[in-house]
Structure formats: structure tokens, C-alpha cells
Amino acid sequence: GSPNVEGLPAGPDFFDFGDADQSRDAMQEIGFEDTRSVLLSDMTWNSVYGGEDLYNVLLKGTSRTREMLLKQTAEETKNIKDLMARKYIAITDHGSRPLRMPALITSGQKPYEA
């Protein structure tokens, strides 16, 4: 697929906020203090049964990803779905293991301004 779709404003790289240091730095740049990141590494999804489900998670997950996926050509969409099916099979051993879906949670506190 193509990450350069017409009409989609510039935005951060898809995986930028999966990096704890980068997430904390971004929050500090906009004024948050006491920033912390926690990795939820044992999170699994037990309701995703194949590449099509995985594609739909991305399609429905965020407005930016949705627009990027919807603006692909038919061939690019087919290629993305085929790749997701192959990746799902590889990372779940043909569905015999749950899909691991670690998440990084970054939080901070805005300073009190009287």
C-alpha cells in the first residue's frame, strides 16, 4: 500500500508513539510533567481469527488509519490484506496461539496554572 494518500494531512509516523522515550518527549514538549510509560506486554486479542479480522481492526481503529486504508487502490488493498493474512498465520502459528498485542501507555500531568 501507499502511505501517501491524497487529502490526508501530514501526521506522525504510524509507530512513533510505540517508543516510550519518544512518547514521553512529545508529551513534555507540549507541557506535560511527570511523564511515565508502561508497557502492557502480556495483552492478547482472542477475538481476531485471521488476516481479514486484523485488517478490520486497523480499518476501524483510528480515523487516520481508516482514511489511509480506504484511499488505497483495489490492488494495494488486496496486497495489504494478503500481507495481513500471512503475518497473522506467522505470528499465531496458524491461529494456534492468541494474537499478542502489547500496548504502550504514556501519561503525564499538566501543571496547575492559577
PDB file of N, CA and C in Angstrom:
ATOM      1  N   GLY A   1       0.809  -1.189   0.000  1.00  0.00           N
ATOM      2  CA  GLY A   1       0.000   0.000   0.000  1.00  0.00           C
ATOM      3  C   GLY A   1       0.847   1.246   0.000  1.00  0.00           C
ATOM      4  N   SER A   2       0.212   2.356  -0.171  1.00  0.00           N
ATOM      5  CA  SER A   2       0.907   3.642  -0.214  1.00  0.00           C
ATOM      6  C   SER A   2       0.555   4.478   1.007  1.00  0.00           C
ATOM      7  N   PRO A   3       1.574   4.971   1.735  1.00  0.00           N
ATOM      8  CA  PRO A   3       1.294   5.853   2.866  1.00  0.00           C
ATOM      9  C   PRO A   3       0.985   7.279   2.414  1.00  0.00           C
ATOM     10  N   ASN A   4       1.200   7.581   1.143  1.00  0.00           N
ATOM     11  CA  ASN A   4       0.981   8.925   0.620  1.00  0.00           C
ATOM     12  C   ASN A   4      -0.357   8.978  -0.104  1.00  0.00           C
ATOM     13  N   VAL A   5      -1.400   9.290   0.636  1.00  0.00           N
ATOM     14  CA  VAL A   5      -2.725   9.345   0.033  1.00  0.00           C
ATOM     15  C   VAL A   5      -3.203  10.791  -0.056  1.00  0.00           C
ATOM     16  N   GLU A   6      -3.889  11.079  -1.147  1.00  0.00           N
ATOM     17  CA  GLU A   6      -4.361  12.434  -1.403  1.00  0.00           C
ATOM     18  C   GLU A   6      -5.389  12.858  -0.362  1.00  0.00           C
ATOM     19  N   GLY A   7      -5.233  14.082   0.137  1.00  0.00           N
ATOM     20  CA  GLY A   7      -6.195  14.641   1.071  1.00  0.00           C
ATOM     21  C   GLY A   7      -5.935  14.319   2.531  1.00  0.00           C
ATOM     22  N   LEU A   8      -4.959  13.490   2.813  1.00  0.00           N
ATOM     23  CA  LEU A   8      -4.657  13.139   4.199  1.00  0.00           C
ATOM     24  C   LEU A   8      -3.558  14.072   4.699  1.00  0.00           C
ATOM     25  N   PRO A   9      -3.842  14.884   5.728  1.00  0.00           N
ATOM     26  CA  PRO A   9      -2.812  15.809   6.211  1.00  0.00           C
ATOM     27  C   PRO A   9      -1.621  15.064   6.797  1.00  0.00           C
ATOM     28  N   ALA A  10      -0.500  15.732   6.827  1.00  0.00           N
ATOM     29  CA  ALA A  10       0.711  15.140   7.398  1.00  0.00           C
ATOM     30  C   ALA A  10       0.455  14.764   8.850  1.00  0.00           C
ATOM     31  N   GLY A  11       1.074  13.688   9.274  1.00  0.00           N
ATOM     32  CA  GLY A  11       0.919  13.235  10.648  1.00  0.00           C
ATOM     33  C   GLY A  11       2.147  12.464  11.076  1.00  0.00           C
ATOM     34  N   PRO A  12       2.164  12.036  12.316  1.00  0.00           N
ATOM     35  CA  PRO A  12       3.333  11.295  12.805  1.00  0.00           C
ATOM     36  C   PRO A  12       3.427   9.928  12.142  1.00  0.00           C
ATOM     37  N   ASP A  13       4.617   9.372  12.157  1.00  0.00           N
ATOM     38  CA  ASP A  13       4.821   8.020  11.682  1.00  0.00           C
ATOM     39  C   ASP A  13       3.913   7.086  12.475  1.00  0.00           C
ATOM     40  N   PHE A  14       3.442   6.046  11.832  1.00  0.00           N
ATOM     41  CA  PHE A  14       2.476   5.116  12.439  1.00  0.00           C
ATOM     42  C   PHE A  14       2.951   4.557  13.775  1.00  0.00           C
ATOM     43  N   PHE A  15       4.239   4.319  13.916  1.00  0.00           N
ATOM     44  CA  PHE A  15       4.756   3.669  15.118  1.00  0.00           C
ATOM     45  C   PHE A  15       5.492   4.622  16.059  1.00  0.00           C
ATOM     46  N   ASP A  16       5.448   5.930  15.804  1.00  0.00           N
ATOM     47  CA  ASP A  16       6.163   6.888  16.651  1.00  0.00           C
ATOM     48  C   ASP A  16       5.855   6.736  18.128  1.00  0.00           C
ATOM     49  N   PHE A  17       4.605   6.573  18.456  1.00  0.00           N
ATOM     50  CA  PHE A  17       4.224   6.578  19.866  1.00  0.00           C
ATOM     51  C   PHE A  17       4.267   5.191  20.486  1.00  0.00           C
ATOM     52  N   GLY A  18       4.860   4.241  19.790  1.00  0.00           N
ATOM     53  CA  GLY A  18       5.155   2.935  20.358  1.00  0.00           C
ATOM     54  C   GLY A  18       6.514   2.917  21.039  1.00  0.00           C
ATOM     55  N   ASP A  19       7.233   4.022  20.960  1.00  0.00           N
ATOM     56  CA  ASP A  19       8.540   4.169  21.600  1.00  0.00           C
ATOM     57  C   ASP A  19       8.361   5.020  22.855  1.00  0.00           C
ATOM     58  N   ALA A  20       8.722   4.460  24.010  1.00  0.00           N
ATOM     59  CA  ALA A  20       8.490   5.138  25.289  1.00  0.00           C
ATOM     60  C   ALA A  20       9.186   6.493  25.361  1.00  0.00           C
ATOM     61  N   ASP A  21      10.448   6.556  24.957  1.00  0.00           N
ATOM     62  CA  ASP A  21      11.173   7.830  25.028  1.00  0.00           C
ATOM     63  C   ASP A  21      10.532   8.875  24.140  1.00  0.00           C
ATOM     64  N   GLN A  22      10.161   8.486  22.938  1.00  0.00           N
ATOM     65  CA  GLN A  22       9.551   9.438  22.014  1.00  0.00           C
ATOM     66  C   GLN A  22       8.189   9.906  22.523  1.00  0.00           C
ATOM     67  N   SER A  23       7.420   9.013  23.116  1.00  0.00           N
ATOM     68  CA  SER A  23       6.112   9.388  23.669  1.00  0.00           C
ATOM     69  C   SER A  23       6.266  10.386  24.813  1.00  0.00           C
ATOM     70  N   ARG A  24       7.181  10.080  25.723  1.00  0.00           N
ATOM     71  CA  ARG A  24       7.398  10.990  26.854  1.00  0.00           C
ATOM     72  C   ARG A  24       7.917  12.343  26.373  1.00  0.00           C
ATOM     73  N   ASP A  25       8.856  12.325  25.424  1.00  0.00           N
ATOM     74  CA  ASP A  25       9.390  13.586  24.891  1.00  0.00           C
ATOM     75  C   ASP A  25       8.284  14.426  24.257  1.00  0.00           C
ATOM     76  N   ALA A  26       7.406  13.796  23.488  1.00  0.00           N
ATOM     77  CA  ALA A  26       6.314  14.529  22.831  1.00  0.00           C
ATOM     78  C   ALA A  26       5.384  15.156  23.860  1.00  0.00           C
ATOM     79  N   MET A  27       5.088  14.436  24.925  1.00  0.00           N
ATOM     80  CA  MET A  27       4.211  14.985  25.968  1.00  0.00           C
ATOM     81  C   MET A  27       4.893  16.129  26.712  1.00  0.00           C
ATOM     82  N   GLN A  28       6.185  15.989  26.969  1.00  0.00           N
ATOM     83  CA  GLN A  28       6.919  17.059  27.649  1.00  0.00           C
ATOM     84  C   GLN A  28       7.008  18.305  26.782  1.00  0.00           C
ATOM     85  N   GLU A  29       7.134  18.125  25.465  1.00  0.00           N
ATOM     86  CA  GLU A  29       7.203  19.261  24.539  1.00  0.00           C
ATOM     87  C   GLU A  29       5.932  20.101  24.581  1.00  0.00           C
ATOM     88  N   ILE A  30       4.801  19.501  24.908  1.00  0.00           N
ATOM     89  CA  ILE A  30       3.548  20.271  24.958  1.00  0.00           C
ATOM     90  C   ILE A  30       3.143  20.617  26.387  1.00  0.00           C
ATOM     91  N   GLY A  31       4.089  20.459  27.327  1.00  0.00           N
ATOM     92  CA  GLY A  31       3.871  20.975  28.669  1.00  0.00           C
ATOM     93  C   GLY A  31       3.518  19.984  29.751  1.00  0.00           C
ATOM     94  N   PHE A  32       3.471  18.705  29.452  1.00  0.00           N
ATOM     95  CA  PHE A  32       3.171  17.722  30.495  1.00  0.00           C
ATOM     96  C   PHE A  32       4.407  17.484  31.352  1.00  0.00           C
ATOM     97  N   GLU A  33       4.175  17.232  32.625  1.00  0.00           N
ATOM     98  CA  GLU A  33       5.247  16.927  33.571  1.00  0.00           C
ATOM     99  C   GLU A  33       5.029  15.526  34.129  1.00  0.00           C
ATOM    100  N   ASP A  34       6.046  15.028  34.800  1.00  0.00           N
ATOM    101  CA  ASP A  34       5.968  13.722  35.454  1.00  0.00           C
ATOM    102  C   ASP A  34       5.439  12.659  34.480  1.00  0.00           C
ATOM    103  N   THR A  35       6.006  12.649  33.280  1.00  0.00           N
ATOM    104  CA  THR A  35       5.555  11.690  32.268  1.00  0.00           C
ATOM    105  C   THR A  35       6.146  10.315  32.544  1.00  0.00           C
ATOM    106  N   ARG A  36       5.345   9.306  32.306  1.00  0.00           N
ATOM    107  CA  ARG A  36       5.742   7.917  32.526  1.00  0.00           C
ATOM    108  C   ARG A  36       5.138   7.048  31.429  1.00  0.00           C
ATOM    109  N   SER A  37       5.852   5.973  31.136  1.00  0.00           N
ATOM    110  CA  SER A  37       5.346   4.992  30.176  1.00  0.00           C
ATOM    111  C   SER A  37       5.340   3.616  30.813  1.00  0.00           C
ATOM    112  N   VAL A  38       4.308   2.858  30.489  1.00  0.00           N
ATOM    113  CA  VAL A  38       4.183   1.485  30.972  1.00  0.00           C
ATOM    114  C   VAL A  38       3.870   0.607  29.765  1.00  0.00           C
ATOM    115  N   LEU A  39       4.587  -0.486  29.624  1.00  0.00           N
ATOM    116  CA  LEU A  39       4.338  -1.422  28.537  1.00  0.00           C
ATOM    117  C   LEU A  39       3.460  -2.558  29.050  1.00  0.00           C
ATOM    118  N   LEU A  40       2.297  -2.718  28.418  1.00  0.00           N
ATOM    119  CA  LEU A  40       1.406  -3.830  28.740  1.00  0.00           C
ATOM    120  C   LEU A  40       1.770  -4.968  27.793  1.00  0.00           C
ATOM    121  N   SER A  41       2.779  -5.734  28.170  1.00  0.00           N
ATOM    122  CA  SER A  41       3.340  -6.722  27.247  1.00  0.00           C
ATOM    123  C   SER A  41       2.578  -8.042  27.213  1.00  0.00           C
ATOM    124  N   ASP A  42       1.707  -8.287  28.177  1.00  0.00           N
ATOM    125  CA  ASP A  42       1.007  -9.572  28.201  1.00  0.00           C
ATOM    126  C   ASP A  42      -0.403  -9.491  27.618  1.00  0.00           C
ATOM    127  N   MET A  43      -0.721  -8.381  26.968  1.00  0.00           N
ATOM    128  CA  MET A  43      -2.050  -8.213  26.393  1.00  0.00           C
ATOM    129  C   MET A  43      -2.186  -9.079  25.143  1.00  0.00           C
ATOM    130  N   THR A  44      -3.287  -9.819  25.036  1.00  0.00           N
ATOM    131  CA  THR A  44      -3.563 -10.622  23.844  1.00  0.00           C
ATOM    132  C   THR A  44      -4.976 -10.360  23.365  1.00  0.00           C
ATOM    133  N   TRP A  45      -5.178 -10.559  22.080  1.00  0.00           N
ATOM    134  CA  TRP A  45      -6.510 -10.449  21.488  1.00  0.00           C
ATOM    135  C   TRP A  45      -6.959 -11.850  21.127  1.00  0.00           C
ATOM    136  N   ASN A  46      -8.052 -12.260  21.724  1.00  0.00           N
ATOM    137  CA  ASN A  46      -8.579 -13.596  21.478  1.00  0.00           C
ATOM    138  C   ASN A  46      -9.760 -13.599  20.515  1.00  0.00           C
ATOM    139  N   SER A  47     -10.109 -12.439  19.984  1.00  0.00           N
ATOM    140  CA  SER A  47     -11.260 -12.359  19.086  1.00  0.00           C
ATOM    141  C   SER A  47     -10.860 -11.998  17.658  1.00  0.00           C
ATOM    142  N   VAL A  48      -9.580 -12.135  17.346  1.00  0.00           N
ATOM    143  CA  VAL A  48      -9.088 -11.906  15.988  1.00  0.00           C
ATOM    144  C   VAL A  48      -8.700 -13.272  15.445  1.00  0.00           C
ATOM    145  N   TYR A  49      -9.382 -13.689  14.384  1.00  0.00           N
ATOM    146  CA  TYR A  49      -9.242 -15.070  13.894  1.00  0.00           C
ATOM    147  C   TYR A  49      -8.554 -15.192  12.544  1.00  0.00           C
ATOM    148  N   GLY A  50      -8.060 -14.102  12.006  1.00  0.00           N
ATOM    149  CA  GLY A  50      -7.390 -14.191  10.716  1.00  0.00           C
ATOM    150  C   GLY A  50      -7.002 -12.828  10.198  1.00  0.00           C
ATOM    151  N   GLY A  51      -6.393 -12.816   9.030  1.00  0.00           N
ATOM    152  CA  GLY A  51      -5.931 -11.581   8.425  1.00  0.00           C
ATOM    153  C   GLY A  51      -7.032 -10.577   8.152  1.00  0.00           C
ATOM    154  N   GLU A  52      -8.206 -11.067   7.763  1.00  0.00           N
ATOM    155  CA  GLU A  52      -9.333 -10.162   7.491  1.00  0.00           C
ATOM    156  C   GLU A  52      -9.758  -9.432   8.762  1.00  0.00           C
ATOM    157  N   ASP A  53      -9.805 -10.152   9.883  1.00  0.00           N
ATOM    158  CA  ASP A  53     -10.126  -9.518  11.169  1.00  0.00           C
ATOM    159  C   ASP A  53      -9.064  -8.483  11.535  1.00  0.00           C
ATOM    160  N   LEU A  54      -7.812  -8.827  11.320  1.00  0.00           N
ATOM    161  CA  LEU A  54      -6.714  -7.915  11.625  1.00  0.00           C
ATOM    162  C   LEU A  54      -6.811  -6.648  10.772  1.00  0.00           C
ATOM    163  N   TYR A  55      -7.129  -6.809   9.499  1.00  0.00           N
ATOM    164  CA  TYR A  55      -7.332  -5.661   8.605  1.00  0.00           C
ATOM    165  C   TYR A  55      -8.461  -4.781   9.136  1.00  0.00           C
ATOM    166  N   ASN A  56      -9.561  -5.404   9.559  1.00  0.00           N
ATOM    167  CA  ASN A  56     -10.702  -4.642  10.060  1.00  0.00           C
ATOM    168  C   ASN A  56     -10.394  -3.916  11.364  1.00  0.00           C
ATOM    169  N   VAL A  57      -9.522  -4.486  12.189  1.00  0.00           N
ATOM    170  CA  VAL A  57      -9.089  -3.791  13.412  1.00  0.00           C
ATOM    171  C   VAL A  57      -8.416  -2.482  13.024  1.00  0.00           C
ATOM    172  N   LEU A  58      -7.524  -2.542  12.039  1.00  0.00           N
ATOM    173  CA  LEU A  58      -6.845  -1.325  11.595  1.00  0.00           C
ATOM    174  C   LEU A  58      -7.812  -0.372  10.902  1.00  0.00           C
ATOM    175  N   LEU A  59      -8.728  -0.917  10.120  1.00  0.00           N
ATOM    176  CA  LEU A  59      -9.697  -0.091   9.408  1.00  0.00           C
ATOM    177  C   LEU A  59     -10.594   0.685  10.373  1.00  0.00           C
ATOM    178  N   LYS A  60     -10.957   0.063  11.464  1.00  0.00           N
ATOM    179  CA  LYS A  60     -11.881   0.680  12.417  1.00  0.00           C
ATOM    180  C   LYS A  60     -11.183   1.281  13.636  1.00  0.00           C
ATOM    181  N   GLY A  61      -9.846   1.125  13.716  1.00  0.00           N
ATOM    182  CA  GLY A  61      -9.109   1.533  14.905  1.00  0.00           C
ATOM    183  C   GLY A  61      -8.953   3.030  15.087  1.00  0.00           C
ATOM    184  N   THR A  62      -8.536   3.716  14.036  1.00  0.00           N
ATOM    185  CA  THR A  62      -8.350   5.168  14.127  1.00  0.00           C
ATOM    186  C   THR A  62      -8.804   5.806  12.821  1.00  0.00           C
ATOM    187  N   SER A  63      -9.195   7.061  12.904  1.00  0.00           N
ATOM    188  CA  SER A  63      -9.684   7.747  11.700  1.00  0.00           C
ATOM    189  C   SER A  63      -8.566   7.907  10.673  1.00  0.00           C
ATOM    190  N   ARG A  64      -7.335   8.160  11.127  1.00  0.00           N
ATOM    191  CA  ARG A  64      -6.226   8.347  10.183  1.00  0.00           C
ATOM    192  C   ARG A  64      -5.919   7.050   9.433  1.00  0.00           C
ATOM    193  N   THR A  65      -5.835   5.935  10.161  1.00  0.00           N
ATOM    194  CA  THR A  65      -5.551   4.654   9.523  1.00  0.00           C
ATOM    195  C   THR A  65      -6.691   4.273   8.591  1.00  0.00           C
ATOM    196  N   ARG A  66      -7.912   4.511   9.026  1.00  0.00           N
ATOM    197  CA  ARG A  66      -9.077   4.203   8.187  1.00  0.00           C
ATOM    198  C   ARG A  66      -8.984   4.937   6.849  1.00  0.00           C
ATOM    199  N   GLU A  67      -8.717   6.232   6.905  1.00  0.00           N
ATOM    200  CA  GLU A  67      -8.644   7.002   5.662  1.00  0.00           C
ATOM    201  C   GLU A  67      -7.495   6.525   4.784  1.00  0.00           C
ATOM    202  N   MET A  68      -6.379   6.180   5.405  1.00  0.00           N
ATOM    203  CA  MET A  68      -5.241   5.686   4.629  1.00  0.00           C
ATOM    204  C   MET A  68      -5.606   4.385   3.922  1.00  0.00           C
ATOM    205  N   LEU A  69      -6.295   3.489   4.629  1.00  0.00           N
ATOM    206  CA  LEU A  69      -6.683   2.211   4.023  1.00  0.00           C
ATOM    207  C   LEU A  69      -7.754   2.388   2.957  1.00  0.00           C
ATOM    208  N   LEU A  70      -8.725   3.251   3.205  1.00  0.00           N
ATOM    209  CA  LEU A  70      -9.819   3.442   2.246  1.00  0.00           C
ATOM    210  C   LEU A  70      -9.356   4.094   0.944  1.00  0.00           C
ATOM    211  N   LYS A  71      -8.247   4.823   0.984  1.00  0.00           N
ATOM    212  CA  LYS A  71      -7.789   5.520  -0.218  1.00  0.00           C
ATOM    213  C   LYS A  71      -6.772   4.721  -1.030  1.00  0.00           C
ATOM    214  N   GLN A  72      -6.589   3.452  -0.683  1.00  0.00           N
ATOM    215  CA  GLN A  72      -5.703   2.586  -1.465  1.00  0.00           C
ATOM    216  C   GLN A  72      -6.424   2.131  -2.733  1.00  0.00           C
ATOM    217  N   THR A  73      -5.662   1.806  -3.756  1.00  0.00           N
ATOM    218  CA  THR A  73      -6.257   1.226  -4.958  1.00  0.00           C
ATOM    219  C   THR A  73      -6.729  -0.192  -4.609  1.00  0.00           C
ATOM    220  N   ALA A  74      -7.535  -0.770  -5.484  1.00  0.00           N
ATOM    221  CA  ALA A  74      -8.012  -2.139  -5.257  1.00  0.00           C
ATOM    222  C   ALA A  74      -6.840  -3.113  -5.147  1.00  0.00           C
ATOM    223  N   GLU A  75      -5.840  -2.933  -5.996  1.00  0.00           N
ATOM    224  CA  GLU A  75      -4.673  -3.818  -5.949  1.00  0.00           C
ATOM    225  C   GLU A  75      -3.887  -3.631  -4.640  1.00  0.00           C
ATOM    226  N   GLU A  76      -3.708  -2.390  -4.206  1.00  0.00           N
ATOM    227  CA  GLU A  76      -2.993  -2.133  -2.954  1.00  0.00           C
ATOM    228  C   GLU A  76      -3.755  -2.727  -1.768  1.00  0.00           C
ATOM    229  N   THR A  77      -5.084  -2.597  -1.771  1.00  0.00           N
ATOM    230  CA  THR A  77      -5.897  -3.172  -0.696  1.00  0.00           C
ATOM    231  C   THR A  77      -5.742  -4.685  -0.667  1.00  0.00           C
ATOM    232  N   LYS A  78      -5.789  -5.312  -1.827  1.00  0.00           N
ATOM    233  CA  LYS A  78      -5.601  -6.763  -1.891  1.00  0.00           C
ATOM    234  C   LYS A  78      -4.227  -7.152  -1.343  1.00  0.00           C
ATOM    235  N   ASN A  79      -3.193  -6.409  -1.719  1.00  0.00           N
ATOM    236  CA  ASN A  79      -1.841  -6.698  -1.237  1.00  0.00           C
ATOM    237  C   ASN A  79      -1.738  -6.535   0.278  1.00  0.00           C
ATOM    238  N   ILE A  80      -2.368  -5.505   0.815  1.00  0.00           N
ATOM    239  CA  ILE A  80      -2.361  -5.280   2.270  1.00  0.00           C
ATOM    240  C   ILE A  80      -3.064  -6.435   2.975  1.00  0.00           C
ATOM    241  N   LYS A  81      -4.233  -6.819   2.476  1.00  0.00           N
ATOM    242  CA  LYS A  81      -4.981  -7.920   3.094  1.00  0.00           C
ATOM    243  C   LYS A  81      -4.211  -9.236   3.004  1.00  0.00           C
ATOM    244  N   ASP A  82      -3.571  -9.481   1.860  1.00  0.00           N
ATOM    245  CA  ASP A  82      -2.762 -10.702   1.712  1.00  0.00           C
ATOM    246  C   ASP A  82      -1.608 -10.705   2.706  1.00  0.00           C
ATOM    247  N   LEU A  83      -0.943  -9.571   2.856  1.00  0.00           N
ATOM    248  CA  LEU A  83       0.164  -9.469   3.813  1.00  0.00           C
ATOM    249  C   LEU A  83      -0.324  -9.705   5.240  1.00  0.00           C
ATOM    250  N   MET A  84      -1.465  -9.135   5.576  1.00  0.00           N
ATOM    251  CA  MET A  84      -2.001  -9.309   6.932  1.00  0.00           C
ATOM    252  C   MET A  84      -2.363 -10.771   7.188  1.00  0.00           C
ATOM    253  N   ALA A  85      -2.880 -11.432   6.199  1.00  0.00           N
ATOM    254  CA  ALA A  85      -3.210 -12.860   6.354  1.00  0.00           C
ATOM    255  C   ALA A  85      -1.936 -13.663   6.602  1.00  0.00           C
ATOM    256  N   ARG A  86      -0.888 -13.385   5.824  1.00  0.00           N
ATOM    257  CA  ARG A  86       0.386 -14.093   6.012  1.00  0.00           C
ATOM    258  C   ARG A  86       0.994 -13.787   7.378  1.00  0.00           C
ATOM    259  N   LYS A  87       0.962 -12.528   7.778  1.00  0.00           N
ATOM    260  CA  LYS A  87       1.527 -12.140   9.078  1.00  0.00           C
ATOM    261  C   LYS A  87       0.748 -12.794  10.217  1.00  0.00           C
ATOM    262  N   TYR A  88      -0.584 -12.817  10.105  1.00  0.00           N
ATOM    263  CA  TYR A  88      -1.399 -13.442  11.150  1.00  0.00           C
ATOM    264  C   TYR A  88      -1.022 -14.915  11.307  1.00  0.00           C
ATOM    265  N   ILE A  89      -0.912 -15.613  10.196  1.00  0.00           N
ATOM    266  CA  ILE A  89      -0.547 -17.034  10.232  1.00  0.00           C
ATOM    267  C   ILE A  89       0.818 -17.217  10.886  1.00  0.00           C
ATOM    268  N   ALA A  90       1.765 -16.354  10.531  1.00  0.00           N
ATOM    269  CA  ALA A  90       3.125 -16.483  11.059  1.00  0.00           C
ATOM    270  C   ALA A  90       3.197 -16.195  12.561  1.00  0.00           C
ATOM    271  N   ILE A  91       2.518 -15.153  13.017  1.00  0.00           N
ATOM    272  CA  ILE A  91       2.675 -14.764  14.429  1.00  0.00           C
ATOM    273  C   ILE A  91       1.756 -15.527  15.375  1.00  0.00           C
ATOM    274  N   THR A  92       0.771 -16.235  14.819  1.00  0.00           N
ATOM    275  CA  THR A  92      -0.120 -17.030  15.689  1.00  0.00           C
ATOM    276  C   THR A  92       0.032 -18.522  15.447  1.00  0.00           C
ATOM    277  N   ASP A  93       1.011 -18.908  14.647  1.00  0.00           N
ATOM    278  CA  ASP A  93       1.212 -20.309  14.292  1.00  0.00           C
ATOM    279  C   ASP A  93      -0.096 -20.911  13.770  1.00  0.00           C
ATOM    280  N   HIS A  94      -0.598 -20.301  12.706  1.00  0.00           N
ATOM    281  CA  HIS A  94      -1.856 -20.730  12.050  1.00  0.00           C
ATOM    282  C   HIS A  94      -3.050 -20.646  12.992  1.00  0.00           C
ATOM    283  N   GLY A  95      -3.043 -19.675  13.897  1.00  0.00           N
ATOM    284  CA  GLY A  95      -4.172 -19.466  14.801  1.00  0.00           C
ATOM    285  C   GLY A  95      -4.128 -20.302  16.061  1.00  0.00           C
ATOM    286  N   SER A  96      -3.056 -21.040  16.283  1.00  0.00           N
ATOM    287  CA  SER A  96      -2.993 -21.883  17.482  1.00  0.00           C
ATOM    288  C   SER A  96      -2.578 -21.103  18.730  1.00  0.00           C
ATOM    289  N   ARG A  97      -2.085 -19.896  18.546  1.00  0.00           N
ATOM    290  CA  ARG A  97      -1.736 -19.026  19.682  1.00  0.00           C
ATOM    291  C   ARG A  97      -2.540 -17.744  19.567  1.00  0.00           C
ATOM    292  N   PRO A  98      -2.884 -17.137  20.715  1.00  0.00           N
ATOM    293  CA  PRO A  98      -3.585 -15.848  20.635  1.00  0.00           C
ATOM    294  C   PRO A  98      -2.674 -14.778  20.045  1.00  0.00           C
ATOM    295  N   LEU A  99      -3.269 -13.774  19.506  1.00  0.00           N
ATOM    296  CA  LEU A  99      -2.534 -12.668  18.905  1.00  0.00           C
ATOM    297  C   LEU A  99      -2.032 -11.751  20.018  1.00  0.00           C
ATOM    298  N   ARG A 100      -0.712 -11.677  20.175  1.00  0.00           N
ATOM    299  CA  ARG A 100      -0.133 -10.786  21.174  1.00  0.00           C
ATOM    300  C   ARG A 100      -0.269  -9.357  20.660  1.00  0.00           C
ATOM    301  N   MET A 101      -0.722  -8.477  21.515  1.00  0.00           N
ATOM    302  CA  MET A 101      -0.902  -7.091  21.117  1.00  0.00           C
ATOM    303  C   MET A 101      -0.440  -6.175  22.244  1.00  0.00           C
ATOM    304  N   PRO A 102       0.894  -6.092  22.447  1.00  0.00           N
ATOM    305  CA  PRO A 102       1.382  -5.222  23.509  1.00  0.00           C
ATOM    306  C   PRO A 102       0.994  -3.773  23.246  1.00  0.00           C
ATOM    307  N   ALA A 103       0.844  -3.025  24.318  1.00  0.00           N
ATOM    308  CA  ALA A 103       0.465  -1.618  24.201  1.00  0.00           C
ATOM    309  C   ALA A 103       1.334  -0.781  25.124  1.00  0.00           C
ATOM    310  N   LEU A 104       1.726   0.376  24.645  1.00  0.00           N
ATOM    311  CA  LEU A 104       2.476   1.329  25.451  1.00  0.00           C
ATOM    312  C   LEU A 104       1.516   2.418  25.902  1.00  0.00           C
ATOM    313  N   ILE A 105       1.427   2.603  27.212  1.00  0.00           N
ATOM    314  CA  ILE A 105       0.581   3.658  27.777  1.00  0.00           C
ATOM    315  C   ILE A 105       1.505   4.725  28.355  1.00  0.00           C
ATOM    316  N   THR A 106       1.364   5.947  27.862  1.00  0.00           N
ATOM    317  CA  THR A 106       2.173   7.055  28.368  1.00  0.00           C
ATOM    318  C   THR A 106       1.232   8.092  28.961  1.00  0.00           C
ATOM    319  N   SER A 107       1.574   8.551  30.142  1.00  0.00           N
ATOM    320  CA  SER A 107       0.729   9.536  30.818  1.00  0.00           C
ATOM    321  C   SER A 107       1.596  10.643  31.398  1.00  0.00           C
ATOM    322  N   GLY A 108       0.949  11.718  31.762  1.00  0.00           N
ATOM    323  CA  GLY A 108       1.646  12.838  32.370  1.00  0.00           C
ATOM    324  C   GLY A 108       0.637  13.745  33.023  1.00  0.00           C
ATOM    325  N   GLN A 109       1.142  14.791  33.621  1.00  0.00           N
ATOM    326  CA  GLN A 109       0.268  15.730  34.319  1.00  0.00           C
ATOM    327  C   GLN A 109       0.545  17.137  33.803  1.00  0.00           C
ATOM    328  N   LYS A 110      -0.538  17.854  33.495  1.00  0.00           N
ATOM    329  CA  LYS A 110      -0.404  19.250  33.102  1.00  0.00           C
ATOM    330  C   LYS A 110      -0.177  20.045  34.381  1.00  0.00           C
ATOM    331  N   PRO A 111       0.764  20.981  34.387  1.00  0.00           N
ATOM    332  CA  PRO A 111       0.987  21.788  35.595  1.00  0.00           C
ATOM    333  C   PRO A 111      -0.241  22.639  35.903  1.00  0.00           C
ATOM    334  N   TYR A 112      -0.489  22.807  37.175  1.00  0.00           N
ATOM    335  CA  TYR A 112      -1.613  23.631  37.616  1.00  0.00           C
ATOM    336  C   TYR A 112      -1.277  25.094  37.378  1.00  0.00           C
ATOM    337  N   GLU A 113      -2.186  25.798  36.721  1.00  0.00           N
ATOM    338  CA  GLU A 113      -1.994  27.233  36.484  1.00  0.00           C
ATOM    339  C   GLU A 113      -3.141  27.985  37.118  1.00  0.00           C
ATOM    340  N   ALA A 114      -2.823  28.780  38.115  1.00  0.00           N
ATOM    341  CA  ALA A 114      -3.864  29.542  38.847  1.00  0.00           C
ATOM    342  C   ALA A 114      -4.227  30.800  38.114  1.00  0.00           C
TER     343      ALA A 114
END
